[in-house]
């Protein structure tokens, strides 16, 4: 069991370090923005986050609410 654990750690540790190399070892390193709102092309097309779209839809009033 211990041998299996050590093998798993030996595989995962380098993988995590390589994926986060820029973040961990540079001065201005930060994780990339993978959120929908952070994508310029999606914003140009008017596509947004589901939560943001829902929030905007809740703010809009229907014809029945205006009367």
Protein backbone atom coordinates (compact mmCIF):
# COMPACT_ATOMS: atom_id res chain seq x y z
CA UNK A 1 0.00 0.00 0.00
CA UNK A 2 2.81 2.40 0.87
CA UNK A 3 4.60 1.52 -2.36
CA UNK A 4 1.50 2.40 -4.40
CA UNK A 5 1.13 5.71 -2.53
CA UNK A 6 4.74 6.65 -3.25
CA UNK A 7 4.34 5.81 -6.93
CA UNK A 8 1.22 8.00 -7.15
CA UNK A 9 2.98 10.88 -5.41
CA UNK A 10 6.01 10.47 -7.70
CA UNK A 11 3.73 10.82 -10.73
CA UNK A 12 1.47 13.61 -9.49
CA UNK A 13 4.07 15.92 -7.95
CA UNK A 14 6.03 16.58 -11.18
CA UNK A 15 2.77 16.93 -13.12
CA UNK A 16 1.50 19.62 -10.76
CA UNK A 17 4.84 21.44 -10.79
CA UNK A 18 5.01 21.43 -14.60
CA UNK A 19 1.43 22.67 -14.96
CA UNK A 20 2.02 25.51 -12.52
CA UNK A 21 5.62 26.31 -13.46
CA UNK A 22 4.87 29.88 -14.57
CA UNK A 23 2.69 30.53 -11.56
CA UNK A 24 5.06 29.11 -8.97
CA UNK A 25 8.43 30.28 -10.31
CA UNK A 26 7.90 33.74 -11.85
CA UNK A 27 7.42 37.04 -10.06
CA UNK A 28 4.17 38.02 -11.77
CA UNK A 29 2.89 34.51 -12.24
CA UNK A 30 -0.83 34.00 -11.94
CA UNK A 31 -3.30 31.42 -13.13
CA UNK A 32 -4.96 32.17 -16.46
CA UNK A 33 -8.53 33.40 -16.40
CA UNK A 34 -10.56 30.47 -17.69
CA UNK A 35 -13.91 32.03 -16.89
CA UNK A 36 -16.29 32.74 -19.76
CA UNK A 37 -16.28 36.47 -18.97
CA UNK A 38 -12.48 36.53 -19.38
CA UNK A 39 -12.66 35.45 -23.04
CA UNK A 40 -12.66 38.44 -25.43
CA UNK A 41 -14.08 36.52 -28.38
CA UNK A 42 -17.06 35.28 -26.39
CA UNK A 43 -17.72 38.81 -25.12
CA UNK A 44 -17.73 40.12 -28.71
CA UNK A 45 -20.44 37.59 -29.55
CA UNK A 46 -22.46 38.57 -26.48
CA UNK A 47 -21.97 35.23 -24.74
CA UNK A 48 -21.61 35.41 -21.00
CA UNK A 49 -21.65 33.40 -17.83
CA UNK A 50 -24.91 31.67 -16.96
CA UNK A 51 -24.94 33.34 -13.55
CA UNK A 52 -24.45 36.78 -15.09
CA UNK A 53 -27.12 36.18 -17.71
CA UNK A 54 -29.54 34.98 -15.04
CA UNK A 55 -28.83 38.04 -12.90
CA UNK A 56 -29.52 40.32 -15.89
CA UNK A 57 -32.73 38.45 -16.73
CA UNK A 58 -33.95 38.83 -13.14
CA UNK A 59 -33.40 42.60 -13.33
CA UNK A 60 -35.51 43.00 -16.48
CA UNK A 61 -39.15 43.65 -15.91
CA UNK A 62 -41.84 41.99 -17.97
CA UNK A 63 -44.76 43.83 -19.52
CA UNK A 64 -47.03 42.55 -16.75
CA UNK A 65 -44.79 43.95 -14.02
CA UNK A 66 -44.66 47.42 -15.64
CA UNK A 67 -48.47 47.79 -15.75
